[in-house]
Amino acid sequence: MAKVVAAQNRLFKNIFVCKKCGGKIRTEARKILVGKVKCRKCGSRAFRPKRKK
């Protein structure tokens, strides 16, 4: 069971997707909420968490 938890954390924890271009970035949720992080591709500051299918 620990392997599943480790894989879930690696794939989804602290990964956010840009709402404009779809670029992915790994950072803390706190930085996203404050607005310190911008997208590498388009420069936007609008992110959402990566979806779990």
PDB file of N, CA and C in Angstrom:
ATOM      1  N   MET A   1       0.809  -1.193   0.000  1.00  0.00           N
ATOM      2  CA  MET A   1       0.000   0.000   0.000  1.00  0.00           C
ATOM      3  C   MET A   1       0.859   1.265   0.000  1.00  0.00           C
ATOM      4  N   ALA A   2       2.048   1.182   0.592  1.00  0.00           N
ATOM      5  CA  ALA A   2       2.923   2.349   0.645  1.00  0.00           C
ATOM      6  C   ALA A   2       3.394   2.765  -0.738  1.00  0.00           C
ATOM      7  N   LYS A   3       3.533   1.778  -1.636  1.00  0.00           N
ATOM      8  CA  LYS A   3       3.969   2.112  -2.993  1.00  0.00           C
ATOM      9  C   LYS A   3       2.909   2.935  -3.708  1.00  0.00           C
ATOM     10  N   VAL A   4       1.648   2.630  -3.449  1.00  0.00           N
ATOM     11  CA  VAL A   4       0.566   3.371  -4.095  1.00  0.00           C
ATOM     12  C   VAL A   4       0.545   4.808  -3.598  1.00  0.00           C
ATOM     13  N   VAL A   5       0.728   4.997  -2.309  1.00  0.00           N
ATOM     14  CA  VAL A   5       0.738   6.346  -1.732  1.00  0.00           C
ATOM     15  C   VAL A   5       1.915   7.147  -2.273  1.00  0.00           C
ATOM     16  N   ALA A   6       3.076   6.519  -2.366  1.00  0.00           N
ATOM     17  CA  ALA A   6       4.256   7.207  -2.890  1.00  0.00           C
ATOM     18  C   ALA A   6       4.046   7.603  -4.346  1.00  0.00           C
ATOM     19  N   ALA A   7       3.427   6.738  -5.125  1.00  0.00           N
ATOM     20  CA  ALA A   7       3.168   7.056  -6.529  1.00  0.00           C
ATOM     21  C   ALA A   7       2.144   8.183  -6.656  1.00  0.00           C
ATOM     22  N   GLN A   8       1.106   8.177  -5.831  1.00  0.00           N
ATOM     23  CA  GLN A   8       0.100   9.250  -5.850  1.00  0.00           C
ATOM     24  C   GLN A   8       0.749  10.594  -5.524  1.00  0.00           C
ATOM     25  N   ASN A   9       1.622  10.607  -4.519  1.00  0.00           N
ATOM     26  CA  ASN A   9       2.304  11.852  -4.154  1.00  0.00           C
ATOM     27  C   ASN A   9       3.191  12.341  -5.280  1.00  0.00           C
ATOM     28  N   ARG A  10       3.908  11.443  -5.915  1.00  0.00           N
ATOM     29  CA  ARG A  10       4.806  11.838  -6.998  1.00  0.00           C
ATOM     30  C   ARG A  10       4.041  12.403  -8.186  1.00  0.00           C
ATOM     31  N   LEU A  11       2.887  11.818  -8.493  1.00  0.00           N
ATOM     32  CA  LEU A  11       2.137  12.227  -9.680  1.00  0.00           C
ATOM     33  C   LEU A  11       1.259  13.455  -9.467  1.00  0.00           C
ATOM     34  N   PHE A  12       0.751  13.657  -8.237  1.00  0.00           N
ATOM     35  CA  PHE A  12      -0.251  14.701  -8.050  1.00  0.00           C
ATOM     36  C   PHE A  12       0.077  15.748  -6.996  1.00  0.00           C
ATOM     37  N   LYS A  13       0.968  15.471  -6.060  1.00  0.00           N
ATOM     38  CA  LYS A  13       1.219  16.416  -4.974  1.00  0.00           C
ATOM     39  C   LYS A  13       2.050  17.596  -5.475  1.00  0.00           C
ATOM     40  N   ASN A  14       1.563  18.799  -5.206  1.00  0.00           N
ATOM     41  CA  ASN A  14       2.251  20.053  -5.548  1.00  0.00           C
ATOM     42  C   ASN A  14       2.461  20.229  -7.048  1.00  0.00           C
ATOM     43  N   ILE A  15       1.607  19.649  -7.877  1.00  0.00           N
ATOM     44  CA  ILE A  15       1.684  19.858  -9.324  1.00  0.00           C
ATOM     45  C   ILE A  15       0.457  20.641  -9.756  1.00  0.00           C
ATOM     46  N   PHE A  16       0.703  21.727 -10.466  1.00  0.00           N
ATOM     47  CA  PHE A  16      -0.360  22.608 -10.916  1.00  0.00           C
ATOM     48  C   PHE A  16      -0.261  22.802 -12.421  1.00  0.00           C
ATOM     49  N   VAL A  17      -1.421  23.062 -13.050  1.00  0.00           N
ATOM     50  CA  VAL A  17      -1.503  23.213 -14.495  1.00  0.00           C
ATOM     51  C   VAL A  17      -1.995  24.618 -14.806  1.00  0.00           C
ATOM     52  N   CYS A  18      -1.360  25.266 -15.769  1.00  0.00           N
ATOM     53  CA  CYS A  18      -1.758  26.611 -16.190  1.00  0.00           C
ATOM     54  C   CYS A  18      -3.130  26.548 -16.851  1.00  0.00           C
ATOM     55  N   LYS A  19      -3.990  27.483 -16.507  1.00  0.00           N
ATOM     56  CA  LYS A  19      -5.336  27.493 -17.071  1.00  0.00           C
ATOM     57  C   LYS A  19      -5.353  28.008 -18.505  1.00  0.00           C
ATOM     58  N   LYS A  20      -4.324  28.742 -18.917  1.00  0.00           N
ATOM     59  CA  LYS A  20      -4.295  29.286 -20.280  1.00  0.00           C
ATOM     60  C   LYS A  20      -3.637  28.334 -21.284  1.00  0.00           C
ATOM     61  N   CYS A  21      -2.434  27.859 -20.965  1.00  0.00           N
ATOM     62  CA  CYS A  21      -1.687  27.091 -21.965  1.00  0.00           C
ATOM     63  C   CYS A  21      -1.545  25.611 -21.621  1.00  0.00           C
ATOM     64  N   GLY A  22      -1.841  25.215 -20.380  1.00  0.00           N
ATOM     65  CA  GLY A  22      -1.737  23.805 -20.013  1.00  0.00           C
ATOM     66  C   GLY A  22      -0.375  23.378 -19.541  1.00  0.00           C
ATOM     67  N   GLY A  23       0.541  24.321 -19.353  1.00  0.00           N
ATOM     68  CA  GLY A  23       1.872  23.979 -18.855  1.00  0.00           C
ATOM     69  C   GLY A  23       1.825  23.523 -17.411  1.00  0.00           C
ATOM     70  N   LYS A  24       2.674  22.557 -17.066  1.00  0.00           N
ATOM     71  CA  LYS A  24       2.698  22.025 -15.703  1.00  0.00           C
ATOM     72  C   LYS A  24       3.881  22.600 -14.937  1.00  0.00           C
ATOM     73  N   ILE A  25       3.666  22.820 -13.634  1.00  0.00           N
ATOM     74  CA  ILE A  25       4.733  23.301 -12.770  1.00  0.00           C
ATOM     75  C   ILE A  25       4.566  22.658 -11.404  1.00  0.00           C
ATOM     76  N   ARG A  26       5.673  22.333 -10.770  1.00  0.00           N
ATOM     77  CA  ARG A  26       5.648  21.743  -9.424  1.00  0.00           C
ATOM     78  C   ARG A  26       6.101  22.803  -8.434  1.00  0.00           C
ATOM     79  N   THR A  27       5.198  23.165  -7.531  1.00  0.00           N
ATOM     80  CA  THR A  27       5.495  24.144  -6.493  1.00  0.00           C
ATOM     81  C   THR A  27       4.509  23.975  -5.347  1.00  0.00           C
ATOM     82  N   GLU A  28       4.740  24.681  -4.283  1.00  0.00           N
ATOM     83  CA  GLU A  28       3.868  24.607  -3.118  1.00  0.00           C
ATOM     84  C   GLU A  28       2.555  25.332  -3.389  1.00  0.00           C
ATOM     85  N   ALA A  29       1.482  24.832  -2.805  1.00  0.00           N
ATOM     86  CA  ALA A  29       0.167  25.445  -2.987  1.00  0.00           C
ATOM     87  C   ALA A  29       0.130  26.856  -2.404  1.00  0.00           C
ATOM     88  N   ARG A  30       0.886  27.081  -1.363  1.00  0.00           N
ATOM     89  CA  ARG A  30       0.930  28.401  -0.727  1.00  0.00           C
ATOM     90  C   ARG A  30       1.412  29.468  -1.719  1.00  0.00           C
ATOM     91  N   LYS A  31       2.433  29.148  -2.509  1.00  0.00           N
ATOM     92  CA  LYS A  31       2.962  30.100  -3.485  1.00  0.00           C
ATOM     93  C   LYS A  31       1.952  30.384  -4.592  1.00  0.00           C
ATOM     94  N   ILE A  32       1.174  29.366  -4.974  1.00  0.00           N
ATOM     95  CA  ILE A  32       0.142  29.553  -5.999  1.00  0.00           C
ATOM     96  C   ILE A  32      -0.922  30.517  -5.484  1.00  0.00           C
ATOM     97  N   LEU A  33      -1.361  30.326  -4.243  1.00  0.00           N
ATOM     98  CA  LEU A  33      -2.409  31.168  -3.671  1.00  0.00           C
ATOM     99  C   LEU A  33      -1.963  32.617  -3.525  1.00  0.00           C
ATOM    100  N   VAL A  34      -0.710  32.826  -3.160  1.00  0.00           N
ATOM    101  CA  VAL A  34      -0.203  34.185  -2.989  1.00  0.00           C
ATOM    102  C   VAL A  34       0.028  34.860  -4.339  1.00  0.00           C
ATOM    103  N   GLY A  35       0.305  34.068  -5.371  1.00  0.00           N
ATOM    104  CA  GLY A  35       0.534  34.617  -6.708  1.00  0.00           C
ATOM    105  C   GLY A  35       1.996  34.845  -7.026  1.00  0.00           C
ATOM    106  N   LYS A  36       2.889  34.150  -6.343  1.00  0.00           N
ATOM    107  CA  LYS A  36       4.323  34.321  -6.578  1.00  0.00           C
ATOM    108  C   LYS A  36       4.815  33.571  -7.804  1.00  0.00           C
ATOM    109  N   VAL A  37       4.033  32.591  -8.276  1.00  0.00           N
ATOM    110  CA  VAL A  37       4.482  31.716  -9.357  1.00  0.00           C
ATOM    111  C   VAL A  37       3.822  32.136 -10.660  1.00  0.00           C
ATOM    112  N   LYS A  38       4.617  32.172 -11.734  1.00  0.00           N
ATOM    113  CA  LYS A  38       4.032  32.420 -13.049  1.00  0.00           C
ATOM    114  C   LYS A  38       4.450  31.305 -13.999  1.00  0.00           C
ATOM    115  N   CYS A  39       3.652  31.106 -15.020  1.00  0.00           N
ATOM    116  CA  CYS A  39       3.866  30.037 -15.989  1.00  0.00           C
ATOM    117  C   CYS A  39       5.144  30.288 -16.788  1.00  0.00           C
ATOM    118  N   ARG A  40       5.890  29.227 -17.047  1.00  0.00           N
ATOM    119  CA  ARG A  40       7.116  29.343 -17.833  1.00  0.00           C
ATOM    120  C   ARG A  40       6.820  29.635 -19.301  1.00  0.00           C
ATOM    121  N   LYS A  41       5.691  29.112 -19.784  1.00  0.00           N
ATOM    122  CA  LYS A  41       5.369  29.246 -21.208  1.00  0.00           C
ATOM    123  C   LYS A  41       4.735  30.601 -21.540  1.00  0.00           C
ATOM    124  N   CYS A  42       3.661  30.955 -20.807  1.00  0.00           N
ATOM    125  CA  CYS A  42       2.881  32.131 -21.206  1.00  0.00           C
ATOM    126  C   CYS A  42       2.925  33.278 -20.200  1.00  0.00           C
ATOM    127  N   GLY A  43       3.463  33.061 -19.005  1.00  0.00           N
ATOM    128  CA  GLY A  43       3.575  34.128 -18.028  1.00  0.00           C
ATOM    129  C   GLY A  43       2.329  34.348 -17.192  1.00  0.00           C
ATOM    130  N   SER A  44       1.313  33.528 -17.350  1.00  0.00           N
ATOM    131  CA  SER A  44       0.076  33.664 -16.595  1.00  0.00           C
ATOM    132  C   SER A  44       0.279  33.244 -15.147  1.00  0.00           C
ATOM    133  N   ARG A  45      -0.590  33.732 -14.271  1.00  0.00           N
ATOM    134  CA  ARG A  45      -0.541  33.354 -12.860  1.00  0.00           C
ATOM    135  C   ARG A  45      -1.775  32.555 -12.447  1.00  0.00           C
ATOM    136  N   ALA A  46      -2.553  32.092 -13.418  1.00  0.00           N
ATOM    137  CA  ALA A  46      -3.777  31.326 -13.147  1.00  0.00           C
ATOM    138  C   ALA A  46      -3.467  29.835 -13.259  1.00  0.00           C
ATOM    139  N   PHE A  47      -3.566  29.124 -12.128  1.00  0.00           N
ATOM    140  CA  PHE A  47      -3.252  27.704 -12.092  1.00  0.00           C
ATOM    141  C   PHE A  47      -4.403  26.941 -11.468  1.00  0.00           C
ATOM    142  N   ARG A  48      -4.435  25.648 -11.751  1.00  0.00           N
ATOM    143  CA  ARG A  48      -5.379  24.729 -11.111  1.00  0.00           C
ATOM    144  C   ARG A  48      -4.593  23.480 -10.736  1.00  0.00           C
ATOM    145  N   PRO A  49      -5.071  22.706  -9.749  1.00  0.00           N
ATOM    146  CA  PRO A  49      -4.382  21.450  -9.427  1.00  0.00           C
ATOM    147  C   PRO A  49      -4.517  20.451 -10.564  1.00  0.00           C
ATOM    148  N   LYS A  50      -3.539  19.548 -10.676  1.00  0.00           N
ATOM    149  CA  LYS A  50      -3.601  18.500 -11.692  1.00  0.00           C
ATOM    150  C   LYS A  50      -4.749  17.550 -11.341  1.00  0.00           C
ATOM    151  N   ARG A  51      -5.540  17.170 -12.320  1.00  0.00           N
ATOM    152  CA  ARG A  51      -6.698  16.309 -12.106  1.00  0.00           C
ATOM    153  C   ARG A  51      -6.303  14.857 -11.940  1.00  0.00           C
ATOM    154  N   LYS A  52      -7.016  14.186 -11.052  1.00  0.00           N
ATOM    155  CA  LYS A  52      -6.837  12.751 -10.886  1.00  0.00           C
ATOM    156  C   LYS A  52      -7.920  12.061 -11.693  1.00  0.00           C
ATOM    157  N   LYS A  53      -7.543  11.211 -12.606  1.00  0.00           N
ATOM    158  CA  LYS A  53      -8.533  10.566 -13.470  1.00  0.00           C
ATOM    159  C   LYS A  53      -9.127   9.356 -12.812  1.00  0.00           C
TER     160      LYS A  53
END
